[in-house]
Amino acid sequence: MRARLGDKSAAKSGTAEQKVSVAHAVLFGPERAQAVHRTAEARSGQIVVARMEDEVTVKRLQRRGSRVELIAENPDYTPIVVNGPLTIEGLMVGLIWGGRVL
């Protein structure tokens, strides 16, 4: 996946086009674009762009007391238990998949 944090242009996927405001970034992958609101703040249950050292992932943030997990929407993937530094790069706010805005 190619990340372009801070992109202020339109996101295109297939025939769909979605304008992205200056407060958003776009992550591109095969047949998809994810609109991300850049912020360092996130609540439990929100889908975040998270950085752990030199790795970036898009997962649902789950806080349970002092335990922090990053949970994939696909149940086939095991949750990531965060044991080190975690930086929230932003919140996922939109998705274009297969030419459709979801």
N, C-alpha and C. Protein backbone atom coordinates (compact mmCIF):
# COMPACT_ATOMS: atom_id res chain seq x y z
N MET A 1 0.84 -1.16 0.00
CA MET A 1 0.00 0.00 0.00
C MET A 1 0.89 1.23 0.00
N ARG A 2 0.55 2.24 -0.80
CA ARG A 2 1.32 3.47 -0.86
C ARG A 2 0.59 4.53 -0.05
N ALA A 3 1.23 5.07 0.97
CA ALA A 3 0.59 6.09 1.81
C ALA A 3 1.00 7.47 1.34
N ARG A 4 0.00 8.36 1.25
CA ARG A 4 0.26 9.74 0.90
C ARG A 4 -0.43 10.61 1.93
N LEU A 5 0.14 10.69 3.13
CA LEU A 5 -0.46 11.49 4.19
C LEU A 5 -0.29 12.96 3.84
N GLY A 6 -1.36 13.72 3.97
CA GLY A 6 -1.31 15.14 3.69
C GLY A 6 -1.75 15.50 2.29
N ASP A 7 -2.17 14.54 1.49
CA ASP A 7 -2.63 14.81 0.13
C ASP A 7 -3.91 15.65 0.20
N LYS A 8 -3.97 16.72 -0.60
CA LYS A 8 -5.11 17.61 -0.58
C LYS A 8 -5.88 17.57 -1.88
N SER A 9 -5.63 16.58 -2.71
CA SER A 9 -6.29 16.51 -4.02
C SER A 9 -7.43 15.50 -3.99
N ALA A 10 -8.00 15.24 -5.16
CA ALA A 10 -9.09 14.27 -5.26
C ALA A 10 -8.53 12.86 -5.25
N ALA A 11 -9.31 11.93 -4.72
CA ALA A 11 -8.94 10.51 -4.71
C ALA A 11 -9.70 9.84 -5.83
N LYS A 12 -9.03 9.03 -6.64
CA LYS A 12 -9.70 8.34 -7.74
C LYS A 12 -9.49 6.83 -7.61
N SER A 13 -10.53 6.09 -7.86
CA SER A 13 -10.47 4.63 -7.89
C SER A 13 -11.46 4.17 -8.95
N GLY A 14 -10.97 3.62 -10.04
CA GLY A 14 -11.86 3.23 -11.13
C GLY A 14 -12.51 4.46 -11.72
N THR A 15 -13.84 4.48 -11.76
CA THR A 15 -14.56 5.62 -12.31
C THR A 15 -15.05 6.57 -11.23
N ALA A 16 -14.87 6.22 -9.97
CA ALA A 16 -15.35 7.07 -8.88
C ALA A 16 -14.34 8.15 -8.56
N GLU A 17 -14.85 9.29 -8.15
CA GLU A 17 -13.98 10.38 -7.71
C GLU A 17 -14.60 11.00 -6.47
N GLN A 18 -13.76 11.26 -5.47
CA GLN A 18 -14.23 11.85 -4.24
C GLN A 18 -13.27 12.95 -3.86
N LYS A 19 -13.79 14.13 -3.59
CA LYS A 19 -12.94 15.24 -3.15
C LYS A 19 -12.55 15.02 -1.70
N VAL A 20 -11.30 15.33 -1.37
CA VAL A 20 -10.79 15.16 -0.02
C VAL A 20 -10.36 16.53 0.49
N SER A 21 -10.87 16.94 1.64
CA SER A 21 -10.57 18.26 2.17
C SER A 21 -9.13 18.33 2.67
N VAL A 22 -8.70 19.55 3.00
CA VAL A 22 -7.32 19.74 3.44
C VAL A 22 -7.03 19.05 4.77
N ALA A 23 -8.07 18.66 5.51
CA ALA A 23 -7.87 17.98 6.79
C ALA A 23 -7.75 16.47 6.62
N HIS A 24 -7.74 15.99 5.38
CA HIS A 24 -7.74 14.56 5.12
C HIS A 24 -6.50 14.14 4.34
N ALA A 25 -6.23 12.88 4.41
CA ALA A 25 -5.16 12.26 3.63
C ALA A 25 -5.77 11.07 2.90
N VAL A 26 -5.03 10.53 1.97
CA VAL A 26 -5.53 9.40 1.20
C VAL A 26 -4.49 8.28 1.19
N LEU A 27 -4.93 7.06 1.47
CA LEU A 27 -4.09 5.88 1.36
C LEU A 27 -4.59 5.09 0.16
N PHE A 28 -3.72 4.74 -0.77
CA PHE A 28 -4.12 4.02 -1.97
C PHE A 28 -3.71 2.55 -1.87
N GLY A 29 -4.55 1.68 -2.36
CA GLY A 29 -4.26 0.26 -2.47
C GLY A 29 -4.93 -0.24 -3.73
N PRO A 30 -4.82 -1.52 -4.02
CA PRO A 30 -5.48 -2.06 -5.22
C PRO A 30 -6.99 -1.87 -5.14
N GLU A 31 -7.56 -1.16 -6.13
CA GLU A 31 -9.00 -0.96 -6.24
C GLU A 31 -9.62 -0.22 -5.05
N ARG A 32 -8.82 0.50 -4.27
CA ARG A 32 -9.42 1.20 -3.14
C ARG A 32 -8.65 2.47 -2.79
N ALA A 33 -9.36 3.37 -2.14
CA ALA A 33 -8.76 4.58 -1.58
C ALA A 33 -9.44 4.81 -0.24
N GLN A 34 -8.68 5.14 0.78
CA GLN A 34 -9.22 5.38 2.10
C GLN A 34 -8.98 6.84 2.46
N ALA A 35 -10.04 7.55 2.81
CA ALA A 35 -9.91 8.92 3.26
C ALA A 35 -9.66 8.91 4.76
N VAL A 36 -8.66 9.68 5.18
CA VAL A 36 -8.23 9.67 6.57
C VAL A 36 -8.15 11.10 7.09
N HIS A 37 -8.83 11.38 8.20
CA HIS A 37 -8.74 12.68 8.87
C HIS A 37 -7.50 12.66 9.75
N ARG A 38 -6.55 13.54 9.48
CA ARG A 38 -5.31 13.58 10.26
C ARG A 38 -5.57 14.12 11.65
N THR A 39 -5.30 13.30 12.64
CA THR A 39 -5.44 13.67 14.04
C THR A 39 -4.64 12.69 14.88
N ALA A 40 -4.20 13.14 16.03
CA ALA A 40 -3.47 12.26 16.95
C ALA A 40 -4.40 11.71 18.03
N GLU A 41 -5.67 12.11 18.01
CA GLU A 41 -6.64 11.70 19.01
C GLU A 41 -7.57 10.64 18.45
N ALA A 42 -7.89 9.62 19.25
CA ALA A 42 -8.84 8.58 18.82
C ALA A 42 -9.50 7.97 20.05
N ARG A 43 -10.77 7.61 19.87
CA ARG A 43 -11.52 6.94 20.93
C ARG A 43 -11.56 5.44 20.64
N SER A 44 -11.76 4.69 21.68
CA SER A 44 -11.91 3.24 21.54
C SER A 44 -13.08 2.95 20.61
N GLY A 45 -12.88 2.04 19.66
CA GLY A 45 -13.91 1.66 18.71
C GLY A 45 -13.76 2.33 17.35
N GLN A 46 -12.93 3.38 17.26
CA GLN A 46 -12.74 4.06 15.98
C GLN A 46 -11.69 3.33 15.14
N ILE A 47 -11.83 3.44 13.80
CA ILE A 47 -10.84 2.87 12.89
C ILE A 47 -9.75 3.91 12.70
N VAL A 48 -8.51 3.51 12.99
CA VAL A 48 -7.39 4.44 13.00
C VAL A 48 -6.29 4.02 12.03
N VAL A 49 -5.50 5.01 11.63
CA VAL A 49 -4.22 4.74 10.99
C VAL A 49 -3.22 4.84 12.13
N ALA A 50 -2.59 3.71 12.46
CA ALA A 50 -1.71 3.64 13.62
C ALA A 50 -0.29 3.30 13.19
N ARG A 51 0.67 3.94 13.85
CA ARG A 51 2.09 3.68 13.58
C ARG A 51 2.70 3.08 14.84
N MET A 52 3.37 1.93 14.64
CA MET A 52 4.14 1.29 15.70
C MET A 52 5.55 1.15 15.16
N GLU A 53 6.43 2.01 15.68
CA GLU A 53 7.80 2.10 15.19
C GLU A 53 7.78 2.38 13.69
N ASP A 54 8.24 1.48 12.83
CA ASP A 54 8.30 1.76 11.39
C ASP A 54 7.18 1.08 10.61
N GLU A 55 6.15 0.56 11.28
CA GLU A 55 5.02 -0.08 10.61
C GLU A 55 3.76 0.77 10.77
N VAL A 56 2.97 0.85 9.68
CA VAL A 56 1.70 1.57 9.70
C VAL A 56 0.60 0.58 9.34
N THR A 57 -0.52 0.65 10.07
CA THR A 57 -1.65 -0.24 9.82
C THR A 57 -2.96 0.52 9.99
N VAL A 58 -4.02 0.01 9.39
CA VAL A 58 -5.37 0.56 9.55
C VAL A 58 -6.19 -0.51 10.28
N LYS A 59 -6.56 -0.22 11.51
CA LYS A 59 -7.28 -1.19 12.36
C LYS A 59 -8.22 -0.45 13.30
N ARG A 60 -9.13 -1.19 13.92
CA ARG A 60 -10.03 -0.63 14.93
C ARG A 60 -9.30 -0.59 16.27
N LEU A 61 -9.29 0.59 16.89
CA LEU A 61 -8.63 0.77 18.18
C LEU A 61 -9.55 0.28 19.29
N GLN A 62 -9.02 -0.54 20.18
CA GLN A 62 -9.80 -1.04 21.31
C GLN A 62 -8.99 -0.85 22.58
N ARG A 63 -9.55 -0.08 23.51
CA ARG A 63 -8.90 0.12 24.82
C ARG A 63 -9.72 -0.60 25.87
N ARG A 64 -9.05 -1.42 26.66
CA ARG A 64 -9.69 -2.14 27.77
C ARG A 64 -8.81 -1.93 29.00
N GLY A 65 -9.15 -0.93 29.79
CA GLY A 65 -8.30 -0.58 30.92
C GLY A 65 -6.97 -0.06 30.39
N SER A 66 -5.88 -0.65 30.85
CA SER A 66 -4.56 -0.23 30.37
C SER A 66 -4.13 -1.00 29.11
N ARG A 67 -4.92 -1.97 28.69
CA ARG A 67 -4.61 -2.79 27.51
C ARG A 67 -5.11 -2.09 26.24
N VAL A 68 -4.25 -2.01 25.23
CA VAL A 68 -4.61 -1.42 23.95
C VAL A 68 -4.41 -2.47 22.87
N GLU A 69 -5.45 -2.65 22.04
CA GLU A 69 -5.38 -3.60 20.93
C GLU A 69 -5.78 -2.91 19.64
N LEU A 70 -5.23 -3.39 18.53
CA LEU A 70 -5.62 -2.98 17.20
C LEU A 70 -6.25 -4.19 16.55
N ILE A 71 -7.54 -4.05 16.17
CA ILE A 71 -8.32 -5.20 15.72
C ILE A 71 -8.69 -5.04 14.25
N ALA A 72 -8.37 -6.07 13.47
CA ALA A 72 -8.73 -6.09 12.05
C ALA A 72 -10.22 -6.31 11.89
N GLU A 73 -10.81 -5.75 10.84
CA GLU A 73 -12.22 -6.00 10.54
C GLU A 73 -12.41 -7.44 10.08
N ASN A 74 -11.37 -8.05 9.54
CA ASN A 74 -11.42 -9.44 9.09
C ASN A 74 -11.13 -10.34 10.31
N PRO A 75 -12.10 -11.15 10.73
CA PRO A 75 -11.90 -11.98 11.92
C PRO A 75 -10.83 -13.06 11.76
N ASP A 76 -10.34 -13.29 10.54
CA ASP A 76 -9.28 -14.26 10.34
C ASP A 76 -7.93 -13.77 10.87
N TYR A 77 -7.83 -12.45 11.15
CA TYR A 77 -6.58 -11.89 11.65
C TYR A 77 -6.64 -11.71 13.16
N THR A 78 -5.56 -12.09 13.82
CA THR A 78 -5.45 -11.96 15.26
C THR A 78 -5.25 -10.50 15.65
N PRO A 79 -5.91 -10.04 16.72
CA PRO A 79 -5.69 -8.66 17.17
C PRO A 79 -4.22 -8.43 17.54
N ILE A 80 -3.78 -7.19 17.34
CA ILE A 80 -2.42 -6.79 17.71
C ILE A 80 -2.50 -6.17 19.10
N VAL A 81 -1.80 -6.76 20.06
CA VAL A 81 -1.71 -6.19 21.41
C VAL A 81 -0.53 -5.23 21.39
N VAL A 82 -0.81 -3.97 21.71
CA VAL A 82 0.22 -2.94 21.67
C VAL A 82 1.01 -2.96 22.97
N ASN A 83 2.30 -3.27 22.85
CA ASN A 83 3.18 -3.33 24.02
C ASN A 83 4.25 -2.26 24.01
N GLY A 84 4.27 -1.44 22.98
CA GLY A 84 5.28 -0.39 22.86
C GLY A 84 4.64 0.90 22.42
N PRO A 85 5.47 1.81 21.91
CA PRO A 85 4.94 3.11 21.46
C PRO A 85 3.93 2.95 20.33
N LEU A 86 2.84 3.72 20.42
CA LEU A 86 1.79 3.74 19.40
C LEU A 86 1.49 5.19 19.08
N THR A 87 1.53 5.53 17.79
CA THR A 87 1.20 6.88 17.34
C THR A 87 -0.03 6.79 16.46
N ILE A 88 -1.06 7.55 16.79
CA ILE A 88 -2.25 7.65 15.95
C ILE A 88 -1.98 8.71 14.90
N GLU A 89 -2.01 8.30 13.62
CA GLU A 89 -1.78 9.24 12.51
C GLU A 89 -3.08 9.85 12.03
N GLY A 90 -4.22 9.16 12.25
CA GLY A 90 -5.50 9.70 11.81
C GLY A 90 -6.63 8.70 11.97
N LEU A 91 -7.84 9.16 11.60
CA LEU A 91 -9.05 8.35 11.67
C LEU A 91 -9.57 8.10 10.26
N MET A 92 -9.96 6.88 9.97
CA MET A 92 -10.56 6.58 8.67
C MET A 92 -11.96 7.16 8.63
N VAL A 93 -12.25 7.95 7.56
CA VAL A 93 -13.55 8.61 7.46
C VAL A 93 -14.30 8.25 6.18
N GLY A 94 -13.66 7.54 5.26
CA GLY A 94 -14.34 7.17 4.03
C GLY A 94 -13.58 6.11 3.27
N LEU A 95 -14.28 5.46 2.32
CA LEU A 95 -13.69 4.38 1.56
C LEU A 95 -14.27 4.35 0.16
N ILE A 96 -13.41 4.21 -0.83
CA ILE A 96 -13.83 3.97 -2.21
C ILE A 96 -13.32 2.58 -2.56
N TRP A 97 -14.23 1.70 -2.95
CA TRP A 97 -13.86 0.30 -3.21
C TRP A 97 -14.52 -0.13 -4.52
N GLY A 98 -13.73 -0.60 -5.46
CA GLY A 98 -14.25 -1.10 -6.73
C GLY A 98 -15.08 -0.06 -7.47
N GLY A 99 -14.69 1.21 -7.35
CA GLY A 99 -15.38 2.27 -8.05
C GLY A 99 -16.61 2.81 -7.34
N ARG A 100 -16.91 2.31 -6.14
CA ARG A 100 -18.08 2.79 -5.37
C ARG A 100 -17.63 3.48 -4.10
N VAL A 101 -18.28 4.58 -3.77
CA VAL A 101 -18.02 5.27 -2.51
C VAL A 101 -18.85 4.58 -1.44
N LEU A 102 -18.19 4.09 -0.40
CA LEU A 102 -18.90 3.38 0.69
C LEU A 102 -18.96 4.25 1.92
